[in-house]
Amino acid sequence: MPTASRMFIRRAIGPLHEAVAAERNELTDTRLALTLTFVAGAMNAGALVAVGQYTSHMSGIVSALADNLALGAWVLALGGLGALASFIGGAAVSAALINWARRHRAGAQYAMPLLLEAALLGAFGLGGMAAGGTRAFALLAAPALCFVMGLQNATITKVSGARMRTTHVTGIVTDMGIELGKLFYWNRSRDIVVPSVRADRTKLRLLGGLLAAFALGGVLGALGFARFGFATALPFALVLMALGCAPSISAALSRGAQAR
C-alpha cells in the first residue's frame, strides 16, 4: 500500500482506535459513551416502531412482568422474562469477552463486544428486511435487541469503571439532578470545618451530553424505522463495526510500516 494511502487511513482510523483502546482517559471514555448512547437511543426508539417494545430499560420490563404475573397473563409474562434474561445474558457475554481479551488480546479488549453488537444489529436489520412482517421474527427480535442493549451497557460500564451507562436514562437524569442540586445550593455557612457544596460541572456537562445523545438517537431512530424500516439498523451496525475493527486495522498498518 502506498505511504500516502497508509497515512490517510491511519488518520481516519486514529480517533476510532483511541475510542476503544485499552489505554483510557476521560476524553476517550466520553467519546465512546456518547457514540454508544446515540446508538442505544436510536435502537430503543426504533424497536418500539419495529417490534412494538422498548428494549433498553429493564425497569419497565420487570414492572410489566410483575403486572402480567399478577393478572395471569402467562404468555406476556414469559415474554418479559425472556427479555430480562436476554439483557442479563448480553451483559454476561460482554464481561466474558472483555475478560478473555484482557488475557489474550489486550489491545482489542473493548472491540470484541462492539463487533458482536455490530453483527447482531446487522442481522436484525437484514432479517427484518427479509421477514419483518412475520410473527416468528417479532418474537425473536425483541429478546435479541435486549441482548444487544445488555451487551452494550455492560461494555461501557467496564470501560468507564461503572461511571457511565448508555442504554437507559434513569441513572443519567438522577445524577443530573444531584449535580444541579449542588450547583444551586446556597453555601451560607462560612465554617471551614464543613466543606462547601460544589457541583461537578464537568460531570454535569457529560450527563447533559449523554441525555442529548440518547434523545437525538431516539428521534432519528424512530424517524428512520418509520420511513425506511429495518434498513435503518444497518448504518448503526456499520458505526459499531468501524469502532470494533479499528484496533486490528491500526495493528495491520503498523506491521506494514515495520515490514518496509
Protein backbone atom coordinates (compact mmCIF):
# COMPACT_ATOMS: atom_id res chain seq x y z
CA MET A 1 0.00 0.00 0.00
CA PRO A 2 1.40 3.45 -0.88
CA THR A 3 2.65 5.51 2.03
CA ALA A 4 0.18 8.33 1.34
CA SER A 5 -2.77 5.92 1.44
CA ARG A 6 -1.49 4.34 4.64
CA MET A 7 -1.17 7.75 6.28
CA PHE A 8 -4.70 8.73 5.20
CA ILE A 9 -6.17 5.54 6.64
CA ARG A 10 -4.17 5.95 9.84
CA ARG A 11 -5.50 9.49 10.33
CA ALA A 12 -9.05 8.34 9.64
CA ILE A 13 -8.89 5.31 11.89
CA GLY A 14 -6.94 7.01 14.68
CA PRO A 15 -9.89 8.56 16.58
CA LEU A 16 -11.83 5.30 16.29
CA HIS A 17 -8.90 3.31 17.66
CA GLU A 18 -8.45 5.75 20.54
CA ALA A 19 -12.14 5.39 21.43
CA VAL A 20 -11.78 1.63 22.04
CA ALA A 21 -8.12 1.40 23.05
CA ALA A 22 -7.12 -0.37 26.24
CA GLU A 23 -5.44 2.82 27.49
CA ARG A 24 -8.31 5.00 28.69
CA ASN A 25 -8.75 8.64 29.65
CA GLU A 26 -11.68 10.96 30.26
CA LEU A 27 -11.86 12.09 26.63
CA THR A 28 -11.86 8.61 25.07
CA ASP A 29 -14.42 7.37 27.61
CA THR A 30 -16.67 10.31 26.80
CA ARG A 31 -16.40 9.86 23.04
CA LEU A 32 -17.23 6.18 23.24
CA ALA A 33 -20.07 6.75 25.70
CA LEU A 34 -21.66 9.44 23.54
CA THR A 35 -21.47 7.23 20.46
CA LEU A 36 -22.94 4.20 22.18
CA THR A 37 -25.65 6.27 23.88
CA PHE A 38 -26.66 7.67 20.49
CA VAL A 39 -26.88 4.14 19.06
CA ALA A 40 -28.82 2.91 22.10
CA GLY A 41 -31.33 5.74 21.83
CA ALA A 42 -31.86 5.05 18.15
CA MET A 43 -32.32 1.31 18.55
CA ASN A 44 -34.55 1.65 21.60
CA ALA A 45 -36.94 4.04 19.85
CA GLY A 46 -36.66 2.09 16.62
CA ALA A 47 -37.53 -1.13 18.44
CA LEU A 48 -40.86 0.37 19.52
CA VAL A 49 -41.67 1.24 15.92
CA ALA A 50 -40.37 -2.05 14.54
CA VAL A 51 -41.45 -4.66 17.09
CA GLY A 52 -43.70 -2.72 19.47
CA GLN A 53 -41.44 -2.85 22.53
CA TYR A 54 -38.72 -0.80 24.16
CA THR A 55 -35.67 -2.95 24.73
CA SER A 56 -33.15 -0.93 26.74
CA HIS A 57 -34.72 -0.21 30.14
CA MET A 58 -35.36 -3.18 32.36
CA SER A 59 -37.39 -1.25 34.96
CA GLY A 60 -40.42 -1.11 32.69
CA ILE A 61 -39.94 -4.70 31.56
CA VAL A 62 -39.74 -6.01 35.12
CA SER A 63 -42.78 -3.95 36.12
CA ALA A 64 -44.73 -5.30 33.15
CA LEU A 65 -43.57 -8.80 34.06
CA ALA A 66 -44.91 -8.37 37.60
CA ASP A 67 -48.23 -6.98 36.30
CA ASN A 68 -48.65 -9.85 33.86
CA LEU A 69 -47.89 -12.42 36.54
CA ALA A 70 -50.46 -10.82 38.85
CA LEU A 71 -53.07 -10.79 36.07
CA GLY A 72 -52.32 -14.33 34.97
CA ALA A 73 -51.15 -13.26 31.51
CA TRP A 74 -48.64 -16.07 31.35
CA VAL A 75 -47.61 -15.65 27.72
CA LEU A 76 -46.84 -11.96 28.17
CA ALA A 77 -45.03 -12.72 31.42
CA LEU A 78 -42.93 -15.31 29.65
CA GLY A 79 -42.02 -12.75 27.00
CA GLY A 80 -40.97 -10.29 29.70
CA LEU A 81 -38.89 -12.95 31.41
CA GLY A 82 -37.20 -13.73 28.10
CA ALA A 83 -36.39 -10.05 27.56
CA LEU A 84 -34.93 -9.77 31.07
CA ALA A 85 -32.87 -12.93 30.68
CA SER A 86 -31.60 -11.72 27.30
CA PHE A 87 -30.43 -8.39 28.73
CA ILE A 88 -28.62 -10.18 31.57
CA GLY A 89 -27.15 -12.63 29.09
CA GLY A 90 -25.84 -9.80 26.93
CA ALA A 91 -24.16 -8.19 29.92
CA ALA A 92 -22.62 -11.52 30.92
CA VAL A 93 -21.29 -12.14 27.42
CA SER A 94 -19.74 -8.66 27.32
CA ALA A 95 -17.94 -9.28 30.62
CA ALA A 96 -16.73 -12.67 29.43
CA LEU A 97 -15.41 -11.27 26.13
CA ILE A 98 -13.63 -8.35 27.78
CA ASN A 99 -12.04 -10.51 30.47
CA TRP A 100 -10.92 -13.08 27.90
CA ALA A 101 -9.44 -10.38 25.68
CA ARG A 102 -7.58 -8.82 28.60
CA ARG A 103 -5.59 -12.04 28.84
CA HIS A 104 -5.25 -12.89 25.16
CA ARG A 105 -5.81 -9.74 23.08
CA ALA A 106 -5.38 -6.83 25.47
CA GLY A 107 -5.32 -4.21 22.72
CA ALA A 108 -8.76 -5.25 21.47
CA GLN A 109 -10.49 -5.98 24.76
CA TYR A 110 -13.29 -3.46 24.17
CA ALA A 111 -13.53 -4.04 20.44
CA MET A 112 -14.86 -7.58 20.65
CA PRO A 113 -18.24 -6.76 22.27
CA LEU A 114 -18.70 -3.94 19.76
CA LEU A 115 -18.08 -6.29 16.85
CA LEU A 116 -20.61 -8.73 18.26
CA GLU A 117 -23.12 -5.91 18.71
CA ALA A 118 -22.49 -4.75 15.14
CA ALA A 119 -23.08 -8.29 13.84
CA LEU A 120 -26.32 -8.64 15.79
CA LEU A 121 -27.66 -5.25 14.68
CA GLY A 122 -26.74 -6.08 11.11
CA ALA A 123 -28.54 -9.41 11.39
CA PHE A 124 -31.55 -7.63 12.90
CA GLY A 125 -31.66 -5.14 10.05
CA LEU A 126 -31.20 -7.71 7.27
CA GLY A 127 -33.54 -10.20 8.93
CA GLY A 128 -36.19 -7.54 9.33
CA MET A 129 -35.91 -6.56 5.68
CA ALA A 130 -36.45 -10.19 4.70
CA ALA A 131 -39.02 -11.33 7.27
CA GLY A 132 -40.00 -8.29 9.32
CA GLY A 133 -43.72 -8.89 8.97
CA THR A 134 -43.73 -12.40 10.39
CA ARG A 135 -44.66 -13.31 13.96
CA ALA A 136 -41.58 -15.50 14.32
CA PHE A 137 -39.26 -12.58 13.60
CA ALA A 138 -41.09 -10.34 16.07
CA LEU A 139 -40.76 -12.98 18.78
CA LEU A 140 -37.00 -13.28 18.16
CA ALA A 141 -36.25 -9.61 17.53
CA ALA A 142 -37.27 -8.23 20.94
CA PRO A 143 -35.07 -10.52 23.07
CA ALA A 144 -32.25 -10.16 20.55
CA LEU A 145 -32.32 -6.38 20.93
CA CYS A 146 -32.49 -6.74 24.72
CA PHE A 147 -29.37 -8.90 24.49
CA VAL A 148 -27.68 -6.17 22.41
CA MET A 149 -28.59 -3.49 24.94
CA GLY A 150 -27.27 -5.58 27.83
CA LEU A 151 -24.08 -6.24 25.86
CA GLN A 152 -23.57 -2.55 25.19
CA ASN A 153 -24.42 -1.32 28.66
CA ALA A 154 -22.02 -3.76 30.28
CA THR A 155 -19.29 -2.77 27.83
CA ILE A 156 -19.38 0.93 28.66
CA THR A 157 -19.70 0.04 32.35
CA LYS A 158 -16.46 -1.95 32.14
CA VAL A 159 -14.78 0.72 30.02
CA SER A 160 -15.64 3.61 32.33
CA GLY A 161 -15.29 1.82 35.65
CA ALA A 162 -19.07 1.96 36.23
CA ARG A 163 -19.16 5.75 35.84
CA MET A 164 -21.37 5.72 32.76
CA ARG A 165 -24.36 3.87 31.35
CA THR A 166 -25.64 4.16 27.80
CA THR A 167 -28.90 2.27 27.40
CA HIS A 168 -31.17 3.89 29.97
CA VAL A 169 -31.71 7.43 31.09
CA THR A 170 -32.88 6.98 34.71
CA GLY A 171 -29.38 6.96 36.16
CA ILE A 172 -28.31 9.84 33.93
CA VAL A 173 -31.12 12.18 34.96
CA THR A 174 -30.77 11.16 38.62
CA ASP A 175 -27.11 12.13 38.60
CA MET A 176 -28.01 15.34 36.74
CA GLY A 177 -30.50 16.19 39.47
CA ILE A 178 -27.90 15.61 42.16
CA GLU A 179 -25.37 17.86 40.45
CA LEU A 180 -27.99 20.55 39.78
CA GLY A 181 -28.97 20.42 43.45
CA LYS A 182 -25.36 21.04 44.40
CA LEU A 183 -24.99 23.74 41.72
CA PHE A 184 -27.86 25.83 43.11
CA TYR A 185 -27.15 25.12 46.77
CA TRP A 186 -26.57 28.28 48.78
CA ASN A 187 -23.45 27.89 50.92
CA ARG A 188 -24.36 30.30 53.70
CA SER A 189 -22.10 28.81 56.34
CA ARG A 190 -18.51 30.03 56.42
CA ASP A 191 -17.46 27.31 58.85
CA ILE A 192 -14.26 25.86 57.47
CA VAL A 193 -15.00 22.57 59.26
CA VAL A 194 -17.96 21.95 56.96
CA PRO A 195 -16.86 21.88 53.32
CA SER A 196 -18.82 23.95 50.83
CA VAL A 197 -21.14 22.17 48.46
CA ARG A 198 -19.77 22.34 44.92
CA ALA A 199 -21.23 20.85 41.76
CA ASP A 200 -19.06 18.82 39.40
CA ARG A 201 -19.61 20.92 36.30
CA THR A 202 -17.59 18.57 34.11
CA LYS A 203 -19.76 15.66 35.14
CA LEU A 204 -22.89 17.75 34.61
CA ARG A 205 -21.82 18.58 31.05
CA LEU A 206 -21.12 14.91 30.39
CA LEU A 207 -24.52 13.87 31.71
CA GLY A 208 -26.22 16.52 29.61
CA GLY A 209 -24.35 15.27 26.56
CA LEU A 210 -25.38 11.67 27.22
CA LEU A 211 -29.01 12.69 27.66
CA ALA A 212 -28.93 14.72 24.44
CA ALA A 213 -27.24 11.86 22.55
CA PHE A 214 -29.88 9.36 23.69
CA ALA A 215 -32.71 11.74 22.78
CA LEU A 216 -31.23 12.63 19.38
CA GLY A 217 -30.62 8.97 18.61
CA GLY A 218 -34.19 8.21 19.62
CA VAL A 219 -35.62 10.83 17.26
CA LEU A 220 -33.50 9.68 14.33
CA GLY A 221 -34.14 6.02 15.08
CA ALA A 222 -37.90 6.45 15.26
CA LEU A 223 -38.00 8.54 12.08
CA GLY A 224 -35.68 6.13 10.30
CA PHE A 225 -37.62 2.99 11.19
CA ALA A 226 -40.92 4.68 10.36
CA ARG A 227 -39.68 5.73 6.93
CA PHE A 228 -37.04 3.21 5.89
CA GLY A 229 -37.91 0.22 8.04
CA PHE A 230 -35.34 -2.26 9.27
CA ALA A 231 -32.65 -0.95 6.93
CA THR A 232 -32.22 1.86 9.48
CA ALA A 233 -30.31 -0.54 11.71
CA LEU A 234 -27.55 -1.06 9.15
CA PRO A 235 -25.79 2.34 9.42
CA PHE A 236 -25.63 1.95 13.20
CA ALA A 237 -24.16 -1.52 12.74
CA LEU A 238 -21.53 -0.05 10.43
CA VAL A 239 -20.58 2.57 13.04
CA LEU A 240 -20.04 -0.14 15.63
CA MET A 241 -18.15 -2.29 13.14
CA ALA A 242 -15.80 0.60 12.36
CA LEU A 243 -15.10 1.04 16.07
CA GLY A 244 -14.59 -2.68 16.59
CA CYS A 245 -12.28 -3.09 13.60
CA ALA A 246 -10.14 -0.04 14.38
CA PRO A 247 -7.56 -1.84 16.59
CA SER A 248 -6.98 -4.58 14.02
CA ILE A 249 -6.62 -2.08 11.18
CA SER A 250 -4.18 0.02 13.20
CA ALA A 251 -2.15 -3.07 14.06
CA ALA A 252 -2.05 -4.14 10.40
CA LEU A 253 -0.85 -0.69 9.33
CA SER A 254 1.88 -0.76 11.98
CA ARG A 255 3.07 -4.19 10.83
CA GLY A 256 3.11 -2.99 7.23
CA ALA A 257 5.16 0.05 8.14
CA GLN A 258 7.66 -2.09 10.08
CA ALA A 259 7.96 -4.53 7.20
CA ARG A 260 9.03 -1.72 4.93
